[in-house]
Amino acid sequence: MKPGFVYIITNKYQTVVYTGVTSNLPQRVLEHKEKRNPNSFSARYDVNVLVYYEQFQWIEDAITREKQIKAGSRQAKNDLIRSMNPTWKDLFDEIKNIMTE
């Protein structure tokens, strides 16, 4: 079994948020930043600023948490982000050295 991450990214205006799950957070955020899939939601809305993440021992736990977050209101997501990152700064530099297999 793989470790997992749930994450939230936003655009520079903080008007759109995207919640995702991955086993390799640095790689996945880089994919958003580079718009590797030009037809994706994150590319269309220029959503590429990592503002929140949680790490889990198992990817299945991350998937469960992603579903909980997605089911919540936008206000709940905003509150969650502010609990970890009150200024909504880009956390990519903080996580780019997280090693995953």
N, C-alpha and C. Protein backbone atom coordinates (compact mmCIF):
# COMPACT_ATOMS: atom_id res chain seq x y z
N MET A 1 0.83 -1.19 0.00
CA MET A 1 0.00 0.00 0.00
C MET A 1 0.87 1.25 0.00
N LYS A 2 0.37 2.28 -0.61
CA LYS A 2 1.11 3.54 -0.75
C LYS A 2 0.63 4.56 0.28
N PRO A 3 1.52 5.51 0.61
CA PRO A 3 1.07 6.65 1.41
C PRO A 3 0.21 7.55 0.52
N GLY A 4 -0.48 8.50 1.13
CA GLY A 4 -1.33 9.38 0.34
C GLY A 4 -1.40 10.78 0.90
N PHE A 5 -1.79 11.68 0.05
CA PHE A 5 -1.96 13.08 0.41
C PHE A 5 -3.30 13.56 -0.12
N VAL A 6 -3.97 14.38 0.65
CA VAL A 6 -5.10 15.15 0.15
C VAL A 6 -4.62 16.59 0.14
N TYR A 7 -5.01 17.34 -0.88
CA TYR A 7 -4.51 18.70 -1.02
C TYR A 7 -5.59 19.61 -1.58
N ILE A 8 -5.39 20.90 -1.32
CA ILE A 8 -6.26 21.93 -1.89
C ILE A 8 -5.37 22.95 -2.58
N ILE A 9 -5.72 23.25 -3.83
CA ILE A 9 -5.03 24.30 -4.56
C ILE A 9 -6.05 25.36 -4.96
N THR A 10 -5.55 26.57 -5.22
CA THR A 10 -6.42 27.68 -5.59
C THR A 10 -5.75 28.49 -6.70
N ASN A 11 -6.46 29.50 -7.19
CA ASN A 11 -5.87 30.41 -8.16
C ASN A 11 -5.30 31.61 -7.40
N LYS A 12 -4.65 32.50 -8.12
CA LYS A 12 -3.99 33.61 -7.43
C LYS A 12 -4.99 34.57 -6.79
N TYR A 13 -6.24 34.54 -7.21
CA TYR A 13 -7.26 35.41 -6.63
C TYR A 13 -8.04 34.72 -5.51
N GLN A 14 -7.78 33.45 -5.29
CA GLN A 14 -8.44 32.64 -4.25
C GLN A 14 -9.95 32.56 -4.47
N THR A 15 -10.37 32.59 -5.73
CA THR A 15 -11.79 32.53 -6.05
C THR A 15 -12.25 31.11 -6.38
N VAL A 16 -11.31 30.23 -6.68
CA VAL A 16 -11.62 28.85 -7.03
C VAL A 16 -10.72 27.94 -6.19
N VAL A 17 -11.29 26.86 -5.66
CA VAL A 17 -10.46 25.86 -4.98
C VAL A 17 -10.69 24.50 -5.61
N TYR A 18 -9.66 23.69 -5.60
CA TYR A 18 -9.71 22.33 -6.14
C TYR A 18 -9.14 21.41 -5.08
N THR A 19 -9.85 20.36 -4.76
CA THR A 19 -9.39 19.37 -3.78
C THR A 19 -9.03 18.10 -4.53
N GLY A 20 -7.85 17.56 -4.24
CA GLY A 20 -7.40 16.35 -4.92
C GLY A 20 -6.70 15.41 -3.97
N VAL A 21 -6.36 14.25 -4.51
CA VAL A 21 -5.65 13.23 -3.74
C VAL A 21 -4.55 12.65 -4.63
N THR A 22 -3.43 12.28 -4.03
CA THR A 22 -2.31 11.76 -4.79
C THR A 22 -1.38 10.96 -3.86
N SER A 23 -0.56 10.13 -4.46
CA SER A 23 0.46 9.43 -3.68
C SER A 23 1.81 10.17 -3.75
N ASN A 24 1.91 11.16 -4.64
CA ASN A 24 3.16 11.92 -4.77
C ASN A 24 2.80 13.41 -4.89
N LEU A 25 2.76 14.08 -3.77
CA LEU A 25 2.30 15.47 -3.73
C LEU A 25 3.18 16.42 -4.54
N PRO A 26 4.50 16.41 -4.38
CA PRO A 26 5.30 17.36 -5.18
C PRO A 26 5.10 17.18 -6.69
N GLN A 27 5.07 15.95 -7.13
CA GLN A 27 4.89 15.69 -8.56
C GLN A 27 3.52 16.17 -9.03
N ARG A 28 2.49 15.90 -8.25
CA ARG A 28 1.13 16.27 -8.65
C ARG A 28 0.95 17.78 -8.70
N VAL A 29 1.49 18.50 -7.71
CA VAL A 29 1.38 19.96 -7.71
C VAL A 29 2.13 20.53 -8.91
N LEU A 30 3.28 19.97 -9.21
CA LEU A 30 4.04 20.42 -10.37
C LEU A 30 3.24 20.23 -11.66
N GLU A 31 2.52 19.12 -11.75
CA GLU A 31 1.66 18.89 -12.92
C GLU A 31 0.61 19.99 -13.04
N HIS A 32 0.04 20.41 -11.91
CA HIS A 32 -0.94 21.51 -11.95
C HIS A 32 -0.25 22.81 -12.38
N LYS A 33 0.91 23.09 -11.82
CA LYS A 33 1.62 24.33 -12.13
C LYS A 33 2.01 24.40 -13.60
N GLU A 34 2.39 23.26 -14.16
CA GLU A 34 2.83 23.22 -15.57
C GLU A 34 1.67 23.00 -16.54
N LYS A 35 0.46 22.87 -15.99
CA LYS A 35 -0.74 22.65 -16.82
C LYS A 35 -0.53 21.50 -17.81
N ARG A 36 -0.07 20.37 -17.28
CA ARG A 36 0.23 19.21 -18.13
C ARG A 36 -1.00 18.67 -18.84
N ASN A 37 -2.17 18.86 -18.24
CA ASN A 37 -3.41 18.47 -18.93
C ASN A 37 -4.18 19.77 -19.22
N PRO A 38 -4.01 20.34 -20.41
CA PRO A 38 -4.59 21.66 -20.69
C PRO A 38 -6.11 21.71 -20.65
N ASN A 39 -6.78 20.56 -20.72
CA ASN A 39 -8.24 20.54 -20.66
C ASN A 39 -8.79 20.32 -19.26
N SER A 40 -7.91 20.20 -18.29
CA SER A 40 -8.35 19.90 -16.92
C SER A 40 -8.96 21.13 -16.25
N PHE A 41 -9.71 20.88 -15.20
CA PHE A 41 -10.31 21.95 -14.40
C PHE A 41 -9.23 22.91 -13.91
N SER A 42 -8.14 22.36 -13.37
CA SER A 42 -7.12 23.22 -12.78
C SER A 42 -6.44 24.09 -13.84
N ALA A 43 -6.26 23.58 -15.04
CA ALA A 43 -5.66 24.39 -16.10
C ALA A 43 -6.63 25.46 -16.58
N ARG A 44 -7.90 25.10 -16.76
CA ARG A 44 -8.90 26.06 -17.25
C ARG A 44 -9.07 27.24 -16.30
N TYR A 45 -9.00 26.96 -14.99
CA TYR A 45 -9.22 28.01 -14.00
C TYR A 45 -7.92 28.52 -13.37
N ASP A 46 -6.78 28.13 -13.94
CA ASP A 46 -5.45 28.57 -13.48
C ASP A 46 -5.28 28.33 -11.98
N VAL A 47 -5.65 27.13 -11.56
CA VAL A 47 -5.59 26.74 -10.16
C VAL A 47 -4.28 25.99 -9.94
N ASN A 48 -3.31 26.64 -9.28
CA ASN A 48 -2.00 26.01 -9.13
C ASN A 48 -1.23 26.45 -7.89
N VAL A 49 -1.92 27.06 -6.93
CA VAL A 49 -1.28 27.50 -5.69
C VAL A 49 -1.67 26.53 -4.58
N LEU A 50 -0.70 25.77 -4.08
CA LEU A 50 -0.96 24.80 -3.01
C LEU A 50 -1.16 25.55 -1.70
N VAL A 51 -2.36 25.44 -1.13
CA VAL A 51 -2.66 26.17 0.11
C VAL A 51 -2.95 25.26 1.30
N TYR A 52 -3.11 23.95 1.04
CA TYR A 52 -3.44 23.03 2.13
C TYR A 52 -3.08 21.61 1.72
N TYR A 53 -2.61 20.83 2.69
CA TYR A 53 -2.41 19.40 2.44
C TYR A 53 -2.41 18.64 3.75
N GLU A 54 -2.73 17.37 3.65
CA GLU A 54 -2.64 16.44 4.78
C GLU A 54 -1.95 15.19 4.25
N GLN A 55 -1.12 14.57 5.07
CA GLN A 55 -0.43 13.34 4.69
C GLN A 55 -1.02 12.16 5.46
N PHE A 56 -1.16 11.03 4.78
CA PHE A 56 -1.71 9.82 5.37
C PHE A 56 -0.79 8.64 5.11
N GLN A 57 -0.82 7.70 6.02
CA GLN A 57 0.00 6.50 5.86
C GLN A 57 -0.47 5.67 4.67
N TRP A 58 -1.78 5.67 4.43
CA TRP A 58 -2.34 4.86 3.34
C TRP A 58 -3.17 5.74 2.40
N ILE A 59 -3.05 5.50 1.11
CA ILE A 59 -3.77 6.27 0.10
C ILE A 59 -5.28 6.17 0.30
N GLU A 60 -5.76 5.02 0.77
CA GLU A 60 -7.19 4.85 0.99
C GLU A 60 -7.73 5.85 2.01
N ASP A 61 -6.93 6.13 3.04
CA ASP A 61 -7.33 7.12 4.05
C ASP A 61 -7.39 8.52 3.45
N ALA A 62 -6.46 8.81 2.56
CA ALA A 62 -6.46 10.11 1.88
C ALA A 62 -7.69 10.25 0.99
N ILE A 63 -8.07 9.19 0.32
CA ILE A 63 -9.26 9.22 -0.54
C ILE A 63 -10.52 9.48 0.29
N THR A 64 -10.61 8.82 1.44
CA THR A 64 -11.74 9.04 2.34
C THR A 64 -11.80 10.49 2.79
N ARG A 65 -10.65 11.04 3.16
CA ARG A 65 -10.59 12.43 3.62
C ARG A 65 -10.94 13.40 2.48
N GLU A 66 -10.48 13.10 1.27
CA GLU A 66 -10.80 13.94 0.12
C GLU A 66 -12.31 14.03 -0.06
N LYS A 67 -12.99 12.90 0.07
CA LYS A 67 -14.45 12.88 -0.08
C LYS A 67 -15.12 13.72 1.00
N GLN A 68 -14.60 13.67 2.23
CA GLN A 68 -15.15 14.48 3.32
C GLN A 68 -15.00 15.97 3.00
N ILE A 69 -13.82 16.35 2.56
CA ILE A 69 -13.56 17.76 2.25
C ILE A 69 -14.43 18.23 1.10
N LYS A 70 -14.50 17.43 0.04
CA LYS A 70 -15.31 17.81 -1.13
C LYS A 70 -16.78 17.95 -0.77
N ALA A 71 -17.25 17.17 0.19
CA ALA A 71 -18.66 17.23 0.59
C ALA A 71 -18.97 18.48 1.41
N GLY A 72 -17.95 19.14 1.93
CA GLY A 72 -18.16 20.32 2.75
C GLY A 72 -18.41 21.56 1.92
N SER A 73 -18.85 22.60 2.58
CA SER A 73 -19.12 23.88 1.92
C SER A 73 -17.82 24.59 1.58
N ARG A 74 -17.94 25.60 0.75
CA ARG A 74 -16.76 26.42 0.44
C ARG A 74 -16.24 27.07 1.72
N GLN A 75 -17.14 27.51 2.59
CA GLN A 75 -16.72 28.12 3.85
C GLN A 75 -15.92 27.12 4.70
N ALA A 76 -16.35 25.87 4.72
CA ALA A 76 -15.62 24.84 5.48
C ALA A 76 -14.22 24.65 4.89
N LYS A 77 -14.10 24.68 3.57
CA LYS A 77 -12.79 24.57 2.93
C LYS A 77 -11.91 25.77 3.28
N ASN A 78 -12.50 26.97 3.21
CA ASN A 78 -11.76 28.18 3.57
C ASN A 78 -11.25 28.09 5.01
N ASP A 79 -12.12 27.65 5.92
CA ASP A 79 -11.73 27.52 7.33
C ASP A 79 -10.61 26.50 7.50
N LEU A 80 -10.70 25.40 6.78
CA LEU A 80 -9.67 24.37 6.84
C LEU A 80 -8.33 24.92 6.36
N ILE A 81 -8.35 25.64 5.25
CA ILE A 81 -7.12 26.25 4.72
C ILE A 81 -6.54 27.21 5.74
N ARG A 82 -7.38 28.09 6.28
CA ARG A 82 -6.89 29.10 7.24
C ARG A 82 -6.33 28.46 8.51
N SER A 83 -6.82 27.27 8.88
CA SER A 83 -6.32 26.61 10.09
C SER A 83 -4.85 26.20 9.94
N MET A 84 -4.43 25.94 8.73
CA MET A 84 -3.05 25.53 8.47
C MET A 84 -2.23 26.66 7.86
N ASN A 85 -2.88 27.51 7.09
CA ASN A 85 -2.19 28.48 6.26
C ASN A 85 -2.99 29.78 6.25
N PRO A 86 -2.94 30.56 7.32
CA PRO A 86 -3.80 31.74 7.44
C PRO A 86 -3.63 32.77 6.33
N THR A 87 -2.46 32.84 5.72
CA THR A 87 -2.23 33.84 4.67
C THR A 87 -2.39 33.27 3.27
N TRP A 88 -2.75 32.00 3.16
CA TRP A 88 -2.96 31.34 1.86
C TRP A 88 -1.70 31.40 1.00
N LYS A 89 -0.53 31.34 1.63
CA LYS A 89 0.71 31.35 0.83
C LYS A 89 0.86 30.01 0.09
N ASP A 90 1.65 30.03 -0.96
CA ASP A 90 1.91 28.81 -1.73
C ASP A 90 2.86 27.93 -0.93
N LEU A 91 2.42 26.72 -0.63
CA LEU A 91 3.21 25.80 0.20
C LEU A 91 4.11 24.88 -0.63
N PHE A 92 4.19 25.12 -1.94
CA PHE A 92 4.94 24.22 -2.80
C PHE A 92 6.41 24.10 -2.37
N ASP A 93 7.06 25.22 -2.05
CA ASP A 93 8.46 25.15 -1.62
C ASP A 93 8.62 24.31 -0.37
N GLU A 94 7.63 24.35 0.49
CA GLU A 94 7.67 23.58 1.75
C GLU A 94 7.59 22.07 1.50
N ILE A 95 6.88 21.66 0.46
CA ILE A 95 6.63 20.23 0.26
C ILE A 95 7.45 19.63 -0.87
N LYS A 96 8.17 20.41 -1.65
CA LYS A 96 8.79 19.83 -2.85
C LYS A 96 9.89 18.83 -2.54
N ASN A 97 10.31 18.78 -1.28
CA ASN A 97 11.32 17.78 -0.92
C ASN A 97 10.75 16.56 -0.21
N ILE A 98 9.41 16.49 -0.13
CA ILE A 98 8.79 15.30 0.45
C ILE A 98 9.06 14.12 -0.48
N MET A 99 9.68 13.11 0.05
CA MET A 99 10.03 11.95 -0.77
C MET A 99 8.92 10.92 -0.72
N THR A 100 8.46 10.50 -1.88
CA THR A 100 7.48 9.43 -1.97
C THR A 100 7.96 8.43 -3.02
N GLU A 101 7.46 7.24 -2.89
CA GLU A 101 7.89 6.19 -3.85
C GLU A 101 6.97 6.14 -5.04
